[in-house]
Amino acid sequence: MGVAAAEWLAKQDPLLVGSDNWPGSRAQPGQRTSACRCTRSFLAVNGIHILENLKLDELAAKRVYEFAFTMQPLKIYGASARRWPCSPFADRGPED
């Protein structure tokens, strides 16, 4: 993701952003990286949490675009907050 996209997304006022890869940012041509600038825009400037490496292939294959999302951080003591494992869950509701 480029910096302009990150800034646009931040203006939509999400609680968190997520992706199925790492990192969620991409380097701009001629720049070393934009990852820090995107992370800063999301987390430090706007207080938007970032989730990466989500398993989204099943939702994408079923064309699921709306769902209730819950996430439970795992209780691990002494871990770095930067790489905090969690257990996310997407609830699509009852099947039609």
Protein backbone atom coordinates (compact mmCIF):
# COMPACT_ATOMS: atom_id res chain seq x y z
CA MET A 1 0.00 0.00 0.00
CA GLY A 2 1.27 3.44 -0.84
CA VAL A 3 1.26 6.43 1.49
CA ALA A 4 -1.60 8.17 -0.38
CA ALA A 5 -3.77 5.05 -0.03
CA ALA A 6 -2.92 4.77 3.67
CA GLU A 7 -3.85 8.41 4.24
CA TRP A 8 -7.13 7.99 2.32
CA LEU A 9 -7.97 4.85 4.28
CA ALA A 10 -7.19 6.60 7.58
CA LYS A 11 -9.70 9.34 6.65
CA GLN A 12 -12.41 6.65 6.46
CA ASP A 13 -11.98 6.33 10.26
CA PRO A 14 -11.52 2.53 10.66
CA LEU A 15 -10.73 0.98 14.03
CA LEU A 16 -8.15 -1.26 12.40
CA VAL A 17 -6.75 -2.16 8.99
CA GLY A 18 -5.65 -5.60 7.93
CA SER A 19 -4.09 -7.50 5.07
CA ASP A 20 -3.32 -11.06 4.06
CA ASN A 21 0.38 -10.32 3.66
CA TRP A 22 3.28 -8.56 5.32
CA PRO A 23 4.01 -5.75 5.11
CA GLY A 24 0.80 -3.87 4.33
CA SER A 25 2.91 -1.14 2.75
CA ARG A 26 4.93 -1.09 -0.42
CA ALA A 27 8.02 0.86 -1.36
CA GLN A 28 7.52 3.77 -3.73
CA PRO A 29 9.75 3.90 -6.85
CA GLY A 30 13.08 5.44 -5.92
CA GLN A 31 12.44 5.17 -2.17
CA ARG A 32 13.78 2.59 0.24
CA THR A 33 10.41 1.99 1.87
CA SER A 34 7.10 3.60 2.65
CA ALA A 35 6.25 1.02 5.32
CA CYS A 36 7.26 3.29 8.19
CA ARG A 37 5.29 6.20 6.72
CA CYS A 38 2.15 4.06 6.35
CA THR A 39 2.53 2.60 9.83
CA ARG A 40 3.03 6.08 11.25
CA SER A 41 -0.09 7.33 9.43
CA PHE A 42 -2.18 4.47 10.76
CA LEU A 43 -0.90 3.83 14.26
CA ALA A 44 0.94 6.89 15.56
CA VAL A 45 -1.04 9.68 13.89
CA ASN A 46 -4.55 8.19 13.75
CA GLY A 47 -4.54 5.45 16.41
CA ILE A 48 -5.58 2.78 13.88
CA HIS A 49 -4.38 -0.72 14.75
CA ILE A 50 -2.73 -2.85 12.07
CA LEU A 51 -3.20 -6.60 11.52
CA GLU A 52 -1.07 -8.45 8.99
CA ASN A 53 -0.85 -12.01 7.67
CA LEU A 54 -4.58 -12.63 8.03
CA LYS A 55 -5.97 -15.77 6.37
CA LEU A 56 -8.53 -14.18 4.04
CA ASP A 57 -8.52 -16.61 1.11
CA GLU A 58 -11.69 -18.46 2.17
CA LEU A 59 -13.65 -15.24 2.65
CA ALA A 60 -12.42 -13.94 -0.71
CA ALA A 61 -13.29 -17.20 -2.50
CA LYS A 62 -16.83 -17.01 -1.11
CA ARG A 63 -17.05 -13.29 -1.96
CA VAL A 64 -17.76 -12.37 1.65
CA TYR A 65 -17.36 -8.64 2.05
CA GLU A 66 -19.26 -7.99 5.27
CA PHE A 67 -18.89 -9.83 8.57
CA ALA A 68 -18.60 -9.28 12.30
CA PHE A 69 -14.93 -9.33 13.26
CA THR A 70 -13.64 -10.26 16.70
CA MET A 71 -10.07 -10.64 17.86
CA GLN A 72 -8.63 -12.03 21.06
CA PRO A 73 -4.98 -11.28 21.83
CA LEU A 74 -3.21 -14.37 23.13
CA LYS A 75 -2.00 -14.13 26.72
CA ILE A 76 1.75 -14.20 26.23
CA TYR A 77 3.98 -12.54 28.77
CA GLY A 78 7.25 -10.91 27.77
CA ALA A 79 6.38 -10.71 24.04
CA SER A 80 6.97 -7.66 21.90
CA ALA A 81 3.84 -5.64 21.10
CA ARG A 82 5.06 -5.35 17.52
CA ARG A 83 4.61 -9.06 16.87
CA TRP A 84 1.66 -9.84 19.11
CA PRO A 85 -0.12 -13.05 18.07
CA CYS A 86 -3.90 -13.02 18.14
CA SER A 87 -6.83 -15.20 17.27
CA PRO A 88 -9.12 -13.35 14.81
CA PHE A 89 -12.59 -14.59 13.91
CA ALA A 90 -14.98 -13.52 11.12
CA ASP A 91 -18.64 -14.31 11.80
CA ARG A 92 -20.76 -14.19 8.63
CA GLY A 93 -23.99 -14.91 10.49
CA PRO A 94 -26.47 -17.63 9.52
CA GLU A 95 -26.13 -19.28 6.13
CA ASP A 96 -28.91 -18.47 3.65
